[in-house]
Amino acid sequence: MQRILLIEDNKEISDMVSEYLKNEGFVVVQAFDGDSGLRCFAEEAFDLILLDIMIPFLNGMQVMKEIRKSSVVPILIISAKDGESDKAMGLGFGADDYITKPFSLIELTARIKANLRRTTRYSKPQEDTKTQISYKGLTLDQQSYEVYGNGKRIALTGKEFEILCLLARHPQRIYTKEQIYSAVWNEPYYGEEHVINVHMNRLRSKLGEALPGQQYIRTVWGIGYRMEE
């Protein structure tokens, strides 16, 4: 059974979400502030984290920053803040998805399952398919969901990995933002440019830190992105 860490200070919301997800077959561990959330994360293994932003002691952004130092576990933000800048900040700190309150429990569950599918499908054996992609010193392992640059592991989130895989599989092809969003998020595209921009900037930054002087992703102005020749 897949395990979810729910960090939400509103007990009524936390209990409602927890009960619903348990009925959907998940194991849910509840934490009601940032400190206890981090302690739970350090003591147990989780497949996904549901994280509110406005929580006591350490806020959600601080909690996410600490988690991202050691883990690429999927993080789904649940927040009452629905501004574009808030979403961009959350994604920039390493979130995989963002849903605003009030939300439908059906939609929340669908997003959880979608994020879990994206991360777990690469851990399953793949028959008759190429499991590794190599490109300019990068090695992408589609089974372990890991990326190496000249032998050194680069920690990417699930969506960052999928974006890089998508581009690296067909390095000569230009992908529009709509094509990237539809392929990686598996949802219709409604102009979520800030989502693509934040993930792309973060991905480029991580690749640049790991392999200084190398350029991997090229912007084709007015069209989209492709791997650098």
Protein backbone atom coordinates (compact mmCIF):
# COMPACT_ATOMS: atom_id res chain seq x y z
CA MET A 1 0.00 0.00 0.00
CA GLN A 2 1.28 3.43 -0.92
CA ARG A 3 2.05 5.78 1.94
CA ILE A 4 1.17 9.47 2.03
CA LEU A 5 2.41 12.08 4.49
CA LEU A 6 -0.25 14.76 5.00
CA ILE A 7 1.05 17.98 6.56
CA GLU A 8 -1.97 20.21 7.24
CA ASP A 9 -2.65 22.27 10.36
CA ASN A 10 -6.44 22.42 9.93
CA LYS A 11 -7.54 19.27 11.74
CA GLU A 12 -10.97 19.20 10.13
CA ILE A 13 -9.49 19.32 6.61
CA SER A 14 -6.73 16.89 7.56
CA ASP A 15 -9.15 14.34 9.00
CA MET A 16 -11.49 14.65 6.01
CA VAL A 17 -8.68 14.16 3.47
CA SER A 18 -7.10 11.36 5.50
CA GLU A 19 -10.35 9.43 5.83
CA TYR A 20 -11.13 9.76 2.13
CA LEU A 21 -7.66 8.64 1.04
CA LYS A 22 -7.72 5.69 3.42
CA ASN A 23 -10.97 4.58 1.79
CA GLU A 24 -9.12 4.83 -1.53
CA GLY A 25 -6.55 2.34 -0.28
CA PHE A 26 -3.72 4.62 0.87
CA VAL A 27 -1.90 4.64 4.19
CA VAL A 28 -2.00 8.22 5.51
CA VAL A 29 0.19 9.69 8.26
CA GLN A 30 -0.95 13.08 9.56
CA ALA A 31 1.23 15.92 10.81
CA PHE A 32 -0.12 19.30 11.91
CA ASP A 33 2.95 21.56 11.71
CA GLY A 34 6.22 21.82 9.83
CA ASP A 35 8.44 20.46 12.59
CA SER A 36 6.42 17.30 13.16
CA GLY A 37 6.07 16.85 9.40
CA LEU A 38 9.82 16.82 8.95
CA ARG A 39 10.23 14.40 11.86
CA CYS A 40 7.73 12.01 10.27
CA PHE A 41 9.53 12.27 6.96
CA ALA A 42 12.88 11.50 8.60
CA GLU A 43 11.54 8.49 10.50
CA GLU A 44 9.38 6.80 7.84
CA ALA A 45 9.29 6.20 4.08
CA PHE A 46 6.57 7.86 2.00
CA ASP A 47 5.50 7.66 -1.62
CA LEU A 48 4.02 11.17 -1.76
CA ILE A 49 3.64 14.25 0.43
CA LEU A 50 0.58 16.49 0.67
CA LEU A 51 1.80 19.82 2.02
CA ASP A 52 -0.07 22.93 3.10
CA ILE A 53 1.88 26.19 2.85
CA MET A 54 0.49 28.09 5.84
CA ILE A 55 1.45 25.75 8.69
CA PRO A 56 2.96 26.57 12.13
CA PHE A 57 6.62 26.67 13.12
CA LEU A 58 8.22 25.84 9.75
CA ASN A 59 6.02 26.90 6.85
CA GLY A 60 5.42 24.71 3.82
CA MET A 61 8.15 26.33 1.71
CA GLN A 62 10.72 25.73 4.45
CA VAL A 63 9.59 22.13 4.85
CA MET A 64 9.80 21.54 1.11
CA LYS A 65 13.27 23.08 0.95
CA GLU A 66 14.50 20.68 3.65
CA ILE A 67 12.91 17.65 1.99
CA ARG A 68 14.41 18.52 -1.39
CA LYS A 69 17.92 18.43 0.12
CA SER A 70 17.69 14.64 0.29
CA SER A 71 14.67 13.42 -1.62
CA VAL A 72 12.77 13.74 -4.90
CA VAL A 73 9.56 12.25 -3.44
CA PRO A 74 6.51 13.78 -5.18
CA ILE A 75 5.17 16.81 -3.31
CA LEU A 76 1.66 18.11 -3.94
CA ILE A 77 0.92 21.51 -2.43
CA ILE A 78 -2.56 22.17 -1.05
CA SER A 79 -3.03 25.87 -0.40
CA ALA A 80 -5.63 28.62 -0.09
CA LYS A 81 -3.29 30.88 -2.06
CA ASP A 82 -4.25 30.71 -5.71
CA GLY A 83 -2.19 33.54 -7.22
CA GLU A 84 0.14 32.85 -10.12
CA SER A 85 3.13 34.06 -8.09
CA ASP A 86 2.27 31.68 -5.23
CA LYS A 87 2.03 28.74 -7.60
CA ALA A 88 5.26 29.69 -9.34
CA MET A 89 7.04 30.00 -5.97
CA GLY A 90 5.79 26.59 -4.85
CA LEU A 91 6.86 24.93 -8.07
CA GLY A 92 10.17 26.78 -7.92
CA PHE A 93 10.90 25.36 -4.48
CA GLY A 94 10.42 21.83 -5.82
CA ALA A 95 6.72 20.98 -5.75
CA ASP A 96 5.43 18.58 -8.39
CA ASP A 97 1.85 19.80 -8.34
CA TYR A 98 -0.33 22.53 -6.79
CA ILE A 99 -4.03 22.44 -5.92
CA THR A 100 -5.94 25.31 -4.34
CA LYS A 101 -8.51 25.23 -1.56
CA PRO A 102 -11.37 24.53 -1.62
CA PHE A 103 -10.72 21.45 -3.72
CA SER A 104 -12.67 18.39 -4.72
CA LEU A 105 -11.53 15.21 -3.00
CA ILE A 106 -12.07 13.40 -6.30
CA GLU A 107 -9.73 15.82 -8.08
CA LEU A 108 -7.18 15.61 -5.26
CA THR A 109 -7.18 11.81 -5.45
CA ALA A 110 -6.83 11.90 -9.23
CA ARG A 111 -3.82 14.20 -8.96
CA ILE A 112 -2.24 11.99 -6.30
CA LYS A 113 -2.67 8.89 -8.44
CA ALA A 114 -1.32 10.69 -11.51
CA ASN A 115 1.83 11.77 -9.66
CA LEU A 116 2.32 8.29 -8.21
CA ARG A 117 1.92 6.70 -11.65
CA ARG A 118 4.58 8.95 -13.10
CA THR A 119 7.11 8.00 -10.44
CA THR A 120 6.35 4.30 -10.02
CA ARG A 121 6.10 3.31 -13.67
CA TYR A 122 9.85 3.82 -14.08
CA SER A 123 10.63 1.43 -11.24
CA LYS A 124 8.89 -1.46 -12.99
CA PRO A 125 10.77 -3.73 -15.41
CA GLN A 126 10.39 -2.59 -19.00
CA GLU A 127 10.56 -5.31 -21.59
CA ASP A 128 11.90 -4.75 -25.08
CA THR A 129 12.49 -1.06 -24.49
CA LYS A 130 15.59 1.03 -24.09
CA THR A 131 15.90 1.74 -20.39
CA GLN A 132 18.80 4.20 -20.60
CA ILE A 133 19.24 7.35 -22.63
CA SER A 134 22.68 8.89 -23.10
CA TYR A 135 23.27 12.42 -24.34
CA LYS A 136 26.37 14.63 -24.07
CA GLY A 137 27.63 13.16 -20.80
CA LEU A 138 24.13 12.64 -19.37
CA THR A 139 22.73 9.21 -18.59
CA LEU A 140 19.00 8.92 -17.89
CA ASP A 141 17.91 5.63 -16.34
CA GLN A 142 14.20 5.16 -16.95
CA GLN A 143 13.97 2.21 -14.54
CA SER A 144 15.54 3.85 -11.51
CA TYR A 145 14.32 7.35 -12.39
CA GLU A 146 17.86 8.67 -11.93
CA VAL A 147 20.05 11.01 -13.95
CA TYR A 148 23.83 11.05 -13.97
CA GLY A 149 26.13 13.71 -15.38
CA ASN A 150 29.61 12.35 -16.08
CA GLY A 151 28.95 9.68 -13.45
CA LYS A 152 27.59 12.03 -10.77
CA ARG A 153 23.94 11.72 -9.75
CA ILE A 154 21.76 14.77 -10.38
CA ALA A 155 18.71 14.97 -8.12
CA LEU A 156 15.64 15.78 -10.21
CA THR A 157 11.97 15.75 -9.29
CA GLY A 158 9.65 13.42 -11.17
CA LYS A 159 8.42 16.09 -13.56
CA GLU A 160 11.92 17.45 -14.20
CA PHE A 161 13.01 13.92 -15.07
CA GLU A 162 10.09 13.44 -17.43
CA ILE A 163 10.71 16.74 -19.21
CA LEU A 164 14.37 15.85 -19.71
CA CYS A 165 13.47 12.33 -20.89
CA LEU A 166 10.94 13.69 -23.34
CA LEU A 167 13.47 16.03 -24.92
CA ALA A 168 16.36 13.55 -24.83
CA ARG A 169 14.43 10.73 -26.51
CA HIS A 170 14.10 12.84 -29.65
CA PRO A 171 16.89 15.44 -29.45
CA GLN A 172 16.23 16.83 -32.92
CA ARG A 173 12.55 17.47 -32.28
CA ILE A 174 11.15 20.78 -31.07
CA TYR A 175 8.44 20.44 -28.41
CA THR A 176 5.93 23.21 -27.77
CA LYS A 177 4.93 24.08 -24.22
CA GLU A 178 1.54 22.54 -24.89
CA GLN A 179 3.13 19.27 -26.02
CA ILE A 180 5.42 19.17 -22.97
CA TYR A 181 2.57 19.88 -20.55
CA SER A 182 0.24 17.33 -22.14
CA ALA A 183 2.95 14.63 -22.15
CA VAL A 184 4.33 15.23 -18.65
CA TRP A 185 1.25 16.32 -16.70
CA ASN A 186 -1.10 14.13 -18.73
CA GLU A 187 -3.72 16.89 -18.65
CA PRO A 188 -5.16 19.31 -21.22
CA TYR A 189 -3.11 22.48 -21.64
CA TYR A 190 -4.86 25.74 -20.79
CA GLY A 191 -1.94 28.13 -21.14
CA GLU A 192 -0.06 27.11 -17.98
CA GLU A 193 3.13 28.78 -19.24
CA HIS A 194 4.37 29.65 -15.77
CA VAL A 195 4.34 25.96 -14.81
CA ILE A 196 6.53 25.02 -17.78
CA ASN A 197 8.79 28.06 -17.29
CA VAL A 198 9.44 27.31 -13.61
CA HIS A 199 10.21 23.63 -14.20
CA MET A 200 12.39 24.38 -17.20
CA ASN A 201 14.39 27.05 -15.34
CA ARG A 202 14.89 24.72 -12.38
CA LEU A 203 15.93 21.85 -14.65
CA ARG A 204 18.44 24.02 -16.50
CA SER A 205 19.83 25.30 -13.22
CA LYS A 206 20.41 21.78 -11.87
CA LEU A 207 22.06 20.63 -15.08
CA GLY A 208 24.23 23.75 -15.13
CA GLU A 209 25.36 23.23 -11.53
CA ALA A 210 26.22 19.58 -12.16
CA LEU A 211 27.93 20.15 -15.52
CA PRO A 212 29.30 23.69 -15.71
CA GLY A 213 29.86 25.00 -19.19
CA GLN A 214 27.47 22.54 -20.82
CA GLN A 215 24.22 23.64 -22.43
CA TYR A 216 21.53 21.00 -22.76
CA ILE A 217 18.16 22.62 -23.39
CA ARG A 218 17.71 25.17 -26.13
CA THR A 219 14.82 27.62 -26.37
CA VAL A 220 13.47 27.93 -29.89
CA TRP A 221 11.83 31.32 -29.62
CA GLY A 222 8.17 31.43 -30.50
CA ILE A 223 7.97 27.62 -30.75
CA GLY A 224 9.26 25.72 -27.73
CA TYR A 225 12.27 23.67 -26.60
CA ARG A 226 14.68 21.06 -27.88
CA MET A 227 17.95 19.48 -26.78
CA GLU A 228 21.02 21.52 -27.63
CA GLU A 229 23.05 20.09 -30.51
